[in-house]
Protein backbone atom coordinates (compact mmCIF):
# COMPACT_ATOMS: atom_id res chain seq x y z
CA MET A 1 -231.62 129.48 -4.64
CA LYS A 2 -229.99 126.57 -6.43
CA ARG A 3 -231.43 123.11 -6.21
CA LYS A 4 -229.20 120.30 -5.22
CA ALA A 5 -228.69 117.70 -7.87
CA LYS A 6 -230.35 114.40 -7.13
CA PRO A 7 -227.67 111.85 -6.24
CA GLN A 8 -227.18 109.33 -9.02
CA PRO A 9 -226.43 105.66 -8.40
CA PRO A 10 -223.03 104.42 -9.45
CA PRO A 11 -222.82 103.19 -13.07
CA TRP A 12 -222.29 99.57 -12.06
CA TYR A 13 -225.51 99.60 -10.00
CA ALA A 14 -227.49 101.25 -12.80
CA ALA A 15 -226.28 98.52 -15.18
CA ILE A 16 -227.47 95.78 -12.80
CA VAL A 17 -230.87 97.45 -12.39
CA LYS A 18 -231.26 97.83 -16.16
CA LYS A 19 -230.29 94.19 -16.72
CA HIS A 20 -232.82 92.81 -14.21
CA THR A 21 -235.72 95.19 -14.86
CA PRO A 22 -238.29 93.52 -17.11
CA PRO A 23 -239.33 95.49 -20.19
CA ARG A 24 -242.64 97.31 -19.91
CA PRO A 25 -245.24 96.19 -22.43
CA LEU A 26 -246.02 99.74 -23.55
CA ALA A 27 -248.07 98.72 -26.62
CA ALA A 28 -250.21 96.35 -24.56
CA HIS A 29 -250.79 99.01 -21.91
CA CYS A 30 -251.80 101.57 -24.55
CA LEU A 31 -254.15 99.07 -26.20
CA ALA A 32 -255.76 98.18 -22.84
CA ALA A 33 -256.24 101.86 -21.98
CA PHE A 34 -257.73 102.54 -25.41
CA ALA A 35 -260.07 99.56 -25.15
CA GLY A 36 -261.11 100.35 -21.57
CA GLY A 37 -261.79 104.01 -22.24
CA GLY A 38 -263.53 103.20 -25.50
CA LEU A 39 -265.74 100.61 -23.82
CA LEU A 40 -266.67 103.01 -21.02
CA CYS A 41 -267.53 105.77 -23.49
CA ALA A 42 -269.44 103.38 -25.76
CA LEU A 43 -271.53 102.16 -22.82
CA ALA A 44 -272.31 105.71 -21.76
CA GLN A 45 -273.20 106.74 -25.31
CA SER A 46 -275.42 103.65 -25.69
CA ALA A 47 -277.22 104.52 -22.46
CA GLN A 48 -277.78 108.05 -23.74
CA TYR A 49 -279.19 106.77 -27.05
CA LEU A 50 -281.54 104.40 -25.19
CA LEU A 51 -282.83 107.30 -23.10
CA ILE A 52 -283.32 109.43 -26.22
CA LEU A 53 -285.26 106.57 -27.84
CA ARG A 54 -287.59 106.70 -24.82
CA HIS A 55 -288.39 110.32 -25.82
CA ILE A 56 -286.23 111.92 -23.13
CA PRO A 57 -284.71 115.19 -24.38
CA GLU A 58 -281.04 114.92 -25.34
CA GLN A 59 -279.82 117.35 -22.68
CA THR A 60 -281.75 115.55 -19.95
CA ALA A 61 -280.46 112.18 -21.19
CA SER A 62 -276.90 113.51 -21.09
CA THR A 63 -277.37 114.71 -17.53
CA ILE A 64 -278.78 111.35 -16.45
CA VAL A 65 -275.87 109.47 -18.04
CA VAL A 66 -273.27 111.73 -16.40
CA LEU A 67 -274.91 111.35 -12.99
CA ALA A 68 -275.15 107.59 -13.40
CA THR A 69 -271.51 107.38 -14.49
CA VAL A 70 -270.35 109.35 -11.46
CA ALA A 71 -272.53 107.33 -9.10
CA LEU A 72 -271.36 104.00 -10.54
CA ALA A 73 -267.70 105.04 -10.41
CA ALA A 74 -268.09 106.04 -6.75
CA LEU A 75 -269.96 102.83 -5.94
CA PHE A 76 -267.36 100.68 -7.72
CA THR A 77 -264.61 102.51 -5.83
CA GLY A 78 -266.27 101.63 -2.55
CA LEU A 79 -266.58 97.98 -3.61
CA ASN A 80 -262.91 97.85 -4.75
CA ILE A 81 -264.02 97.07 -8.29
CA TYR A 82 -262.84 100.36 -9.82
CA ASP A 83 -259.27 99.98 -8.56
CA ALA A 84 -259.02 96.39 -9.81
CA ALA A 85 -260.34 97.41 -13.23
CA ALA A 86 -258.01 100.43 -13.34
CA GLN A 87 -255.03 98.13 -12.68
CA ARG A 88 -255.88 96.22 -15.85
CA LEU A 89 -257.20 99.04 -18.03
CA GLY A 90 -254.87 101.82 -16.89
CA ALA A 91 -255.60 105.36 -17.92
CA GLY A 92 -258.60 104.30 -19.98
CA LEU A 93 -260.82 104.45 -16.92
CA ALA A 94 -259.48 107.83 -15.88
CA VAL A 95 -261.89 109.55 -18.24
CA PRO A 96 -262.21 112.85 -16.38
CA ILE A 97 -265.63 112.32 -14.82
CA THR A 98 -265.01 108.76 -13.60
CA GLY A 99 -261.48 109.57 -12.45
CA PHE A 100 -262.81 112.51 -10.44
CA ALA A 101 -265.55 110.36 -8.88
CA ASN A 102 -262.97 107.70 -8.00
CA SER A 103 -260.65 110.26 -6.40
CA LEU A 104 -263.46 111.78 -4.40
CA ALA A 105 -264.83 108.45 -3.18
CA ALA A 106 -261.34 107.16 -2.35
CA ALA A 107 -260.61 110.28 -0.27
CA MET A 108 -263.88 109.83 1.59
CA LEU A 109 -263.22 106.15 2.28
CA GLU A 110 -259.67 106.84 3.41
CA HIS A 111 -260.79 109.23 6.14
CA LYS A 112 -264.08 107.63 7.21
CA ASN A 113 -262.60 106.49 10.55
CA GLU A 114 -262.38 110.18 11.52
CA GLY A 115 -266.16 110.44 11.23
CA TYR A 116 -268.61 111.13 8.47
CA VAL A 117 -268.59 114.92 8.75
CA LEU A 118 -265.03 115.79 9.78
CA GLY A 119 -263.40 112.79 8.10
CA SER A 120 -265.20 111.87 4.91
CA GLY A 121 -267.00 115.15 4.32
CA CYS A 122 -264.14 117.56 4.90
CA ASN A 123 -261.56 115.51 3.05
CA SER A 124 -263.80 115.12 0.01
CA PHE A 125 -264.21 118.90 -0.16
CA LYS A 126 -260.44 119.38 -0.07
CA LEU A 127 -260.15 117.59 -3.40
CA ALA A 128 -263.40 118.88 -4.89
CA GLY A 129 -262.62 122.44 -3.85
CA ALA A 130 -259.28 122.43 -5.64
CA VAL A 131 -260.86 121.08 -8.82
CA VAL A 132 -263.70 123.61 -8.75
CA VAL A 133 -261.38 126.55 -8.07
CA PHE A 134 -259.00 125.50 -10.86
CA GLY A 135 -261.93 125.11 -13.26
CA LEU A 136 -263.38 128.50 -12.40
CA VAL A 137 -260.04 130.30 -12.63
CA SER A 138 -259.29 128.63 -15.98
CA ALA A 139 -262.73 129.53 -17.36
CA LEU A 140 -262.41 133.12 -16.16
CA THR A 141 -258.90 133.47 -17.63
CA LEU A 142 -259.92 132.07 -21.02
CA SER A 143 -263.10 134.20 -21.09
CA LEU A 144 -261.15 137.37 -20.34
CA ALA A 145 -258.56 136.50 -22.97
CA ALA A 146 -261.28 135.87 -25.55
CA LEU A 147 -263.03 139.12 -24.60
CA LEU A 148 -259.79 141.12 -24.88
CA LEU A 149 -259.05 139.58 -28.25
CA GLY A 150 -262.56 140.43 -29.47
CA LEU A 151 -263.67 136.84 -29.94
CA LEU A 152 -266.86 137.20 -27.87
């Protein structure tokens, strides 16, 4: 089945749009994303080092930092702080764990008027379920490929 070609605007209209569209500050956006992501990761790493200095085993400290990062991202989403920061820092805050927490909390907040169980609960599992299934299928596929190639 052939797809229909998307209709294109006439050339004169495209020229007007191009003339009046402001240039995107790509370098500034990349720098902000780099700085935001770097700051987030530096804060998390500093928290982990502080926990290790308090004689907490490294693996336990890592777990605590990940849980705190997820909890803070979800809390900041609920307080509309995460979205405002993401507008300024762009993809830098979408470090996988904080981006996932933001998506999950946003889905829960969006459907809270339908009730806590059927609204927030069910809609959060729609997103989380897809992520978990994709992760498991990817891990299984890569493990089987490595096993077949004799790497394990």
